[in-house]
Amino acid sequence: MSEVSFVLSPVAKKPSRKYRKGSKYDPILDKFLEGNNKLVVVEVAEKEANYVRTQLKKRIDTRGLKLVVSVANNKVYLEK
């Protein structure tokens, strides 16, 4: 068995994890909120509908928006 070289260094506390302040999906929500349409279909290149729905739902919850996101026939719908 070969030996592994390593160093252990004491630290006072673990640093907090840095989180991204926004999301690449925020512009989708912003543009929808600016518009007058009550229902739109969202198409994101090279992403599955359920993945996009999940990401938008996370941003809606985080931002406290009163929007509904759903998937029907493999298409993502945003509704006010």
PDB file of N, CA and C in Angstrom:
ATOM      1  N   MET A   1       0.849  -1.173   0.000  1.00  0.00           N
ATOM      2  CA  MET A   1       0.000   0.000   0.000  1.00  0.00           C
ATOM      3  C   MET A   1       0.898   1.241   0.000  1.00  0.00           C
ATOM      4  N   SER A   2       0.588   2.211  -0.888  1.00  0.00           N
ATOM      5  CA  SER A   2       1.401   3.425  -0.966  1.00  0.00           C
ATOM      6  C   SER A   2       0.953   4.451   0.074  1.00  0.00           C
ATOM      7  N   GLU A   3       1.854   5.306   0.452  1.00  0.00           N
ATOM      8  CA  GLU A   3       1.567   6.315   1.462  1.00  0.00           C
ATOM      9  C   GLU A   3       1.022   7.583   0.804  1.00  0.00           C
ATOM     10  N   VAL A   4       0.182   8.284   1.522  1.00  0.00           N
ATOM     11  CA  VAL A   4      -0.403   9.530   1.038  1.00  0.00           C
ATOM     12  C   VAL A   4       0.182  10.679   1.838  1.00  0.00           C
ATOM     13  N   SER A   5       0.625  11.704   1.137  1.00  0.00           N
ATOM     14  CA  SER A   5       1.176  12.884   1.793  1.00  0.00           C
ATOM     15  C   SER A   5       0.044  13.878   2.037  1.00  0.00           C
ATOM     16  N   PHE A   6      -0.063  14.392   3.270  1.00  0.00           N
ATOM     17  CA  PHE A   6      -1.132  15.350   3.591  1.00  0.00           C
ATOM     18  C   PHE A   6      -0.728  16.242   4.746  1.00  0.00           C
ATOM     19  N   VAL A   7      -1.483  17.323   4.939  1.00  0.00           N
ATOM     20  CA  VAL A   7      -1.259  18.280   6.020  1.00  0.00           C
ATOM     21  C   VAL A   7      -2.610  18.609   6.639  1.00  0.00           C
ATOM     22  N   LEU A   8      -2.680  18.590   7.970  1.00  0.00           N
ATOM     23  CA  LEU A   8      -3.890  19.008   8.682  1.00  0.00           C
ATOM     24  C   LEU A   8      -3.600  20.356   9.329  1.00  0.00           C
ATOM     25  N   SER A   9      -4.487  21.328   9.084  1.00  0.00           N
ATOM     26  CA  SER A   9      -4.290  22.671   9.641  1.00  0.00           C
ATOM     27  C   SER A   9      -5.514  23.068  10.456  1.00  0.00           C
ATOM     28  N   PRO A  10      -5.311  23.513  11.690  1.00  0.00           N
ATOM     29  CA  PRO A  10      -6.452  23.927  12.506  1.00  0.00           C
ATOM     30  C   PRO A  10      -7.039  25.252  12.016  1.00  0.00           C
ATOM     31  N   VAL A  11      -8.370  25.379  12.107  1.00  0.00           N
ATOM     32  CA  VAL A  11      -9.061  26.624  11.754  1.00  0.00           C
ATOM     33  C   VAL A  11     -10.058  26.959  12.853  1.00  0.00           C
ATOM     34  N   ALA A  12     -10.364  28.243  13.009  1.00  0.00           N
ATOM     35  CA  ALA A  12     -11.287  28.678  14.061  1.00  0.00           C
ATOM     36  C   ALA A  12     -12.723  28.312  13.730  1.00  0.00           C
ATOM     37  N   LYS A  13     -13.136  28.528  12.462  1.00  0.00           N
ATOM     38  CA  LYS A  13     -14.492  28.160  12.063  1.00  0.00           C
ATOM     39  C   LYS A  13     -14.547  27.930  10.566  1.00  0.00           C
ATOM     40  N   LYS A  14     -15.547  27.205  10.152  1.00  0.00           N
ATOM     41  CA  LYS A  14     -15.729  26.899   8.741  1.00  0.00           C
ATOM     42  C   LYS A  14     -16.338  28.118   8.050  1.00  0.00           C
ATOM     43  N   PRO A  15     -15.828  28.507   6.873  1.00  0.00           N
ATOM     44  CA  PRO A  15     -16.392  29.668   6.184  1.00  0.00           C
ATOM     45  C   PRO A  15     -17.809  29.368   5.678  1.00  0.00           C
ATOM     46  N   SER A  16     -18.637  30.414   5.618  1.00  0.00           N
ATOM     47  CA  SER A  16     -19.994  30.212   5.122  1.00  0.00           C
ATOM     48  C   SER A  16     -19.946  29.997   3.617  1.00  0.00           C
ATOM     49  N   ARG A  17     -20.886  29.231   3.133  1.00  0.00           N
ATOM     50  CA  ARG A  17     -20.940  28.939   1.716  1.00  0.00           C
ATOM     51  C   ARG A  17     -21.460  30.173   0.983  1.00  0.00           C
ATOM     52  N   LYS A  18     -20.852  30.467  -0.142  1.00  0.00           N
ATOM     53  CA  LYS A  18     -21.279  31.612  -0.929  1.00  0.00           C
ATOM     54  C   LYS A  18     -22.358  31.154  -1.902  1.00  0.00           C
ATOM     55  N   TYR A  19     -23.488  31.840  -1.865  1.00  0.00           N
ATOM     56  CA  TYR A  19     -24.592  31.521  -2.744  1.00  0.00           C
ATOM     57  C   TYR A  19     -24.712  32.571  -3.832  1.00  0.00           C
ATOM     58  N   ARG A  20     -25.146  32.136  -4.958  1.00  0.00           N
ATOM     59  CA  ARG A  20     -25.401  33.042  -6.059  1.00  0.00           C
ATOM     60  C   ARG A  20     -26.613  33.898  -5.697  1.00  0.00           C
ATOM     61  N   LYS A  21     -26.512  35.182  -5.928  1.00  0.00           N
ATOM     62  CA  LYS A  21     -27.585  36.109  -5.562  1.00  0.00           C
ATOM     63  C   LYS A  21     -28.787  35.983  -6.492  1.00  0.00           C
ATOM     64  N   GLY A  22     -28.573  35.622  -7.716  1.00  0.00           N
ATOM     65  CA  GLY A  22     -29.655  35.526  -8.683  1.00  0.00           C
ATOM     66  C   GLY A  22     -29.607  34.196  -9.403  1.00  0.00           C
ATOM     67  N   SER A  23     -30.303  34.131 -10.489  1.00  0.00           N
ATOM     68  CA  SER A  23     -30.348  32.904 -11.269  1.00  0.00           C
ATOM     69  C   SER A  23     -30.444  33.269 -12.740  1.00  0.00           C
ATOM     70  N   LYS A  24     -30.004  32.381 -13.590  1.00  0.00           N
ATOM     71  CA  LYS A  24     -30.137  32.633 -15.017  1.00  0.00           C
ATOM     72  C   LYS A  24     -31.595  32.539 -15.451  1.00  0.00           C
ATOM     73  N   TYR A  25     -32.461  32.059 -14.556  1.00  0.00           N
ATOM     74  CA  TYR A  25     -33.894  31.967 -14.865  1.00  0.00           C
ATOM     75  C   TYR A  25     -34.659  33.209 -14.418  1.00  0.00           C
ATOM     76  N   ASP A  26     -34.019  34.110 -13.673  1.00  0.00           N
ATOM     77  CA  ASP A  26     -34.674  35.349 -13.246  1.00  0.00           C
ATOM     78  C   ASP A  26     -35.124  36.228 -14.419  1.00  0.00           C
ATOM     79  N   PRO A  27     -34.331  36.366 -15.480  1.00  0.00           N
ATOM     80  CA  PRO A  27     -34.794  37.199 -16.601  1.00  0.00           C
ATOM     81  C   PRO A  27     -36.107  36.694 -17.224  1.00  0.00           C
ATOM     82  N   ILE A  28     -36.332  35.393 -17.215  1.00  0.00           N
ATOM     83  CA  ILE A  28     -37.587  34.837 -17.733  1.00  0.00           C
ATOM     84  C   ILE A  28     -38.750  35.352 -16.892  1.00  0.00           C
ATOM     85  N   LEU A  29     -38.595  35.264 -15.574  1.00  0.00           N
ATOM     86  CA  LEU A  29     -39.655  35.729 -14.673  1.00  0.00           C
ATOM     87  C   LEU A  29     -39.842  37.238 -14.778  1.00  0.00           C
ATOM     88  N   ASP A  30     -38.743  37.988 -14.857  1.00  0.00           N
ATOM     89  CA  ASP A  30     -38.829  39.443 -14.956  1.00  0.00           C
ATOM     90  C   ASP A  30     -39.582  39.878 -16.214  1.00  0.00           C
ATOM     91  N   LYS A  31     -39.244  39.266 -17.333  1.00  0.00           N
ATOM     92  CA  LYS A  31     -39.899  39.630 -18.595  1.00  0.00           C
ATOM     93  C   LYS A  31     -41.382  39.278 -18.555  1.00  0.00           C
ATOM     94  N   PHE A  32     -41.723  38.140 -17.964  1.00  0.00           N
ATOM     95  CA  PHE A  32     -43.122  37.744 -17.848  1.00  0.00           C
ATOM     96  C   PHE A  32     -43.891  38.730 -16.972  1.00  0.00           C
ATOM     97  N   LEU A  33     -43.289  39.148 -15.873  1.00  0.00           N
ATOM     98  CA  LEU A  33     -43.940  40.087 -14.970  1.00  0.00           C
ATOM     99  C   LEU A  33     -44.139  41.462 -15.623  1.00  0.00           C
ATOM    100  N   GLU A  34     -43.224  41.863 -16.483  1.00  0.00           N
ATOM    101  CA  GLU A  34     -43.332  43.144 -17.178  1.00  0.00           C
ATOM    102  C   GLU A  34     -44.446  43.134 -18.217  1.00  0.00           C
ATOM    103  N   GLY A  35     -44.707  41.971 -18.800  1.00  0.00           N
ATOM    104  CA  GLY A  35     -45.709  41.877 -19.860  1.00  0.00           C
ATOM    105  C   GLY A  35     -47.135  41.853 -19.329  1.00  0.00           C
ATOM    106  N   ASN A  36     -48.083  41.921 -20.253  1.00  0.00           N
ATOM    107  CA  ASN A  36     -49.499  41.927 -19.903  1.00  0.00           C
ATOM    108  C   ASN A  36     -50.170  40.561 -20.045  1.00  0.00           C
ATOM    109  N   ASN A  37     -49.455  39.586 -20.585  1.00  0.00           N
ATOM    110  CA  ASN A  37     -50.039  38.257 -20.787  1.00  0.00           C
ATOM    111  C   ASN A  37     -50.255  37.540 -19.459  1.00  0.00           C
ATOM    112  N   LYS A  38     -51.374  36.862 -19.338  1.00  0.00           N
ATOM    113  CA  LYS A  38     -51.668  36.115 -18.115  1.00  0.00           C
ATOM    114  C   LYS A  38     -51.136  34.678 -18.184  1.00  0.00           C
ATOM    115  N   LEU A  39     -50.887  34.182 -19.412  1.00  0.00           N
ATOM    116  CA  LEU A  39     -50.404  32.816 -19.608  1.00  0.00           C
ATOM    117  C   LEU A  39     -49.436  32.793 -20.782  1.00  0.00           C
ATOM    118  N   VAL A  40     -48.257  32.204 -20.571  1.00  0.00           N
ATOM    119  CA  VAL A  40     -47.270  32.082 -21.647  1.00  0.00           C
ATOM    120  C   VAL A  40     -46.634  30.692 -21.622  1.00  0.00           C
ATOM    121  N   VAL A  41     -46.095  30.304 -22.775  1.00  0.00           N
ATOM    122  CA  VAL A  41     -45.304  29.077 -22.888  1.00  0.00           C
ATOM    123  C   VAL A  41     -43.845  29.493 -22.826  1.00  0.00           C
ATOM    124  N   VAL A  42     -43.055  28.794 -22.013  1.00  0.00           N
ATOM    125  CA  VAL A  42     -41.632  29.089 -21.870  1.00  0.00           C
ATOM    126  C   VAL A  42     -40.846  27.986 -22.562  1.00  0.00           C
ATOM    127  N   GLU A  43     -39.949  28.382 -23.466  1.00  0.00           N
ATOM    128  CA  GLU A  43     -39.092  27.418 -24.144  1.00  0.00           C
ATOM    129  C   GLU A  43     -37.643  27.779 -23.854  1.00  0.00           C
ATOM    130  N   VAL A  44     -36.912  26.839 -23.279  1.00  0.00           N
ATOM    131  CA  VAL A  44     -35.495  27.037 -22.990  1.00  0.00           C
ATOM    132  C   VAL A  44     -34.725  25.998 -23.794  1.00  0.00           C
ATOM    133  N   ALA A  45     -33.807  26.470 -24.624  1.00  0.00           N
ATOM    134  CA  ALA A  45     -33.047  25.584 -25.508  1.00  0.00           C
ATOM    135  C   ALA A  45     -32.276  24.534 -24.716  1.00  0.00           C
ATOM    136  N   GLU A  46     -32.360  23.307 -25.180  1.00  0.00           N
ATOM    137  CA  GLU A  46     -31.603  22.171 -24.652  1.00  0.00           C
ATOM    138  C   GLU A  46     -31.904  21.831 -23.193  1.00  0.00           C
ATOM    139  N   LYS A  47     -33.077  22.202 -22.698  1.00  0.00           N
ATOM    140  CA  LYS A  47     -33.464  21.858 -21.327  1.00  0.00           C
ATOM    141  C   LYS A  47     -34.820  21.160 -21.359  1.00  0.00           C
ATOM    142  N   GLU A  48     -34.960  20.120 -20.537  1.00  0.00           N
ATOM    143  CA  GLU A  48     -36.226  19.392 -20.434  1.00  0.00           C
ATOM    144  C   GLU A  48     -37.254  20.257 -19.723  1.00  0.00           C
ATOM    145  N   ALA A  49     -38.511  20.094 -20.078  1.00  0.00           N
ATOM    146  CA  ALA A  49     -39.593  20.897 -19.506  1.00  0.00           C
ATOM    147  C   ALA A  49     -39.658  20.765 -17.984  1.00  0.00           C
ATOM    148  N   ASN A  50     -39.523  19.553 -17.465  1.00  0.00           N
ATOM    149  CA  ASN A  50     -39.612  19.364 -16.015  1.00  0.00           C
ATOM    150  C   ASN A  50     -38.447  20.020 -15.278  1.00  0.00           C
ATOM    151  N   TYR A  51     -37.282  20.043 -15.898  1.00  0.00           N
ATOM    152  CA  TYR A  51     -36.130  20.716 -15.293  1.00  0.00           C
ATOM    153  C   TYR A  51     -36.382  22.220 -15.217  1.00  0.00           C
ATOM    154  N   VAL A  52     -36.864  22.787 -16.317  1.00  0.00           N
ATOM    155  CA  VAL A  52     -37.141  24.227 -16.354  1.00  0.00           C
ATOM    156  C   VAL A  52     -38.215  24.575 -15.331  1.00  0.00           C
ATOM    157  N   ARG A  53     -39.259  23.756 -15.251  1.00  0.00           N
ATOM    158  CA  ARG A  53     -40.318  23.998 -14.268  1.00  0.00           C
ATOM    159  C   ARG A  53     -39.751  24.030 -12.850  1.00  0.00           C
ATOM    160  N   THR A  54     -38.890  23.067 -12.529  1.00  0.00           N
ATOM    161  CA  THR A  54     -38.292  22.997 -11.198  1.00  0.00           C
ATOM    162  C   THR A  54     -37.462  24.243 -10.897  1.00  0.00           C
ATOM    163  N   GLN A  55     -36.656  24.673 -11.851  1.00  0.00           N
ATOM    164  CA  GLN A  55     -35.812  25.849 -11.647  1.00  0.00           C
ATOM    165  C   GLN A  55     -36.652  27.114 -11.487  1.00  0.00           C
ATOM    166  N   LEU A  56     -37.683  27.260 -12.313  1.00  0.00           N
ATOM    167  CA  LEU A  56     -38.553  28.428 -12.198  1.00  0.00           C
ATOM    168  C   LEU A  56     -39.314  28.412 -10.874  1.00  0.00           C
ATOM    169  N   LYS A  57     -39.769  27.243 -10.453  1.00  0.00           N
ATOM    170  CA  LYS A  57     -40.504  27.124  -9.189  1.00  0.00           C
ATOM    171  C   LYS A  57     -39.620  27.543  -8.013  1.00  0.00           C
ATOM    172  N   LYS A  58     -38.365  27.128  -8.025  1.00  0.00           N
ATOM    173  CA  LYS A  58     -37.432  27.522  -6.968  1.00  0.00           C
ATOM    174  C   LYS A  58     -37.281  29.033  -6.910  1.00  0.00           C
ATOM    175  N   ARG A  59     -37.139  29.680  -8.079  1.00  0.00           N
ATOM    176  CA  ARG A  59     -36.977  31.135  -8.123  1.00  0.00           C
ATOM    177  C   ARG A  59     -38.259  31.843  -7.706  1.00  0.00           C
ATOM    178  N   ILE A  60     -39.404  31.318  -8.106  1.00  0.00           N
ATOM    179  CA  ILE A  60     -40.694  31.904  -7.714  1.00  0.00           C
ATOM    180  C   ILE A  60     -40.839  31.857  -6.199  1.00  0.00           C
ATOM    181  N   ASP A  61     -40.525  30.715  -5.602  1.00  0.00           N
ATOM    182  CA  ASP A  61     -40.618  30.566  -4.145  1.00  0.00           C
ATOM    183  C   ASP A  61     -39.643  31.483  -3.423  1.00  0.00           C
ATOM    184  N   THR A  62     -38.411  31.529  -3.904  1.00  0.00           N
ATOM    185  CA  THR A  62     -37.376  32.351  -3.281  1.00  0.00           C
ATOM    186  C   THR A  62     -37.746  33.834  -3.334  1.00  0.00           C
ATOM    187  N   ARG A  63     -38.295  34.260  -4.448  1.00  0.00           N
ATOM    188  CA  ARG A  63     -38.639  35.670  -4.629  1.00  0.00           C
ATOM    189  C   ARG A  63     -40.018  36.021  -4.072  1.00  0.00           C
ATOM    190  N   GLY A  64     -40.776  35.018  -3.660  1.00  0.00           N
ATOM    191  CA  GLY A  64     -42.100  35.257  -3.090  1.00  0.00           C
ATOM    192  C   GLY A  64     -43.104  35.774  -4.107  1.00  0.00           C
ATOM    193  N   LEU A  65     -42.999  35.306  -5.337  1.00  0.00           N
ATOM    194  CA  LEU A  65     -43.900  35.756  -6.396  1.00  0.00           C
ATOM    195  C   LEU A  65     -45.195  34.948  -6.398  1.00  0.00           C
ATOM    196  N   LYS A  66     -46.253  35.567  -6.887  1.00  0.00           N
ATOM    197  CA  LYS A  66     -47.551  34.881  -6.981  1.00  0.00           C
ATOM    198  C   LYS A  66     -47.757  34.427  -8.416  1.00  0.00           C
ATOM    199  N   LEU A  67     -46.931  33.486  -8.845  1.00  0.00           N
ATOM    200  CA  LEU A  67     -47.016  32.927 -10.179  1.00  0.00           C
ATOM    201  C   LEU A  67     -47.174  31.423 -10.074  1.00  0.00           C
ATOM    202  N   VAL A  68     -47.748  30.835 -11.123  1.00  0.00           N
ATOM    203  CA  VAL A  68     -47.897  29.385 -11.185  1.00  0.00           C
ATOM    204  C   VAL A  68     -47.103  28.890 -12.384  1.00  0.00           C
ATOM    205  N   VAL A  69     -46.302  27.857 -12.170  1.00  0.00           N
ATOM    206  CA  VAL A  69     -45.552  27.243 -13.263  1.00  0.00           C
ATOM    207  C   VAL A  69     -45.987  25.786 -13.352  1.00  0.00           C
ATOM    208  N   SER A  70     -46.238  25.330 -14.585  1.00  0.00           N
ATOM    209  CA  SER A  70     -46.694  23.955 -14.765  1.00  0.00           C
ATOM    210  C   SER A  70     -46.179  23.405 -16.090  1.00  0.00           C
ATOM    211  N   VAL A  71     -46.293  22.078 -16.230  1.00  0.00           N
ATOM    212  CA  VAL A  71     -45.885  21.402 -17.457  1.00  0.00           C
ATOM    213  C   VAL A  71     -47.073  20.625 -17.987  1.00  0.00           C
ATOM    214  N   ALA A  72     -47.344  20.782 -19.277  1.00  0.00           N
ATOM    215  CA  ALA A  72     -48.378  19.999 -19.960  1.00  0.00           C
ATOM    216  C   ALA A  72     -47.871  19.698 -21.362  1.00  0.00           C
ATOM    217  N   ASN A  73     -47.959  18.461 -21.755  1.00  0.00           N
ATOM    218  CA  ASN A  73     -47.484  18.031 -23.078  1.00  0.00           C
ATOM    219  C   ASN A  73     -46.051  18.458 -23.346  1.00  0.00           C
ATOM    220  N   ASN A  74     -45.210  18.315 -22.327  1.00  0.00           N
ATOM    221  CA  ASN A  74     -43.787  18.614 -22.415  1.00  0.00           C
ATOM    222  C   ASN A  74     -43.489  20.077 -22.732  1.00  0.00           C
ATOM    223  N   LYS A  75     -44.398  20.974 -22.318  1.00  0.00           N
ATOM    224  CA  LYS A  75     -44.190  22.415 -22.468  1.00  0.00           C
ATOM    225  C   LYS A  75     -44.393  23.062 -21.110  1.00  0.00           C
ATOM    226  N   VAL A  76     -43.604  24.109 -20.840  1.00  0.00           N
ATOM    227  CA  VAL A  76     -43.670  24.819 -19.570  1.00  0.00           C
ATOM    228  C   VAL A  76     -44.576  26.038 -19.719  1.00  0.00           C
ATOM    229  N   TYR A  77     -45.500  26.184 -18.779  1.00  0.00           N
ATOM    230  CA  TYR A  77     -46.428  27.317 -18.797  1.00  0.00           C
ATOM    231  C   TYR A  77     -46.245  28.151 -17.541  1.00  0.00           C
ATOM    232  N   LEU A  78     -46.213  29.473 -17.739  1.00  0.00           N
ATOM    233  CA  LEU A  78     -46.180  30.425 -16.616  1.00  0.00           C
ATOM    234  C   LEU A  78     -47.522  31.151 -16.608  1.00  0.00           C
ATOM    235  N   GLU A  79     -48.083  31.274 -15.426  1.00  0.00           N
ATOM    236  CA  GLU A  79     -49.408  31.874 -15.302  1.00  0.00           C
ATOM    237  C   GLU A  79     -49.449  32.850 -14.139  1.00  0.00           C
ATOM    238  N   LYS A  80     -50.089  33.997 -14.378  1.00  0.00           N
ATOM    239  CA  LYS A  80     -50.259  35.010 -13.313  1.00  0.00           C
ATOM    240  C   LYS A  80     -51.522  34.702 -12.533  1.00  0.00           C
TER     241      LYS A  80
END
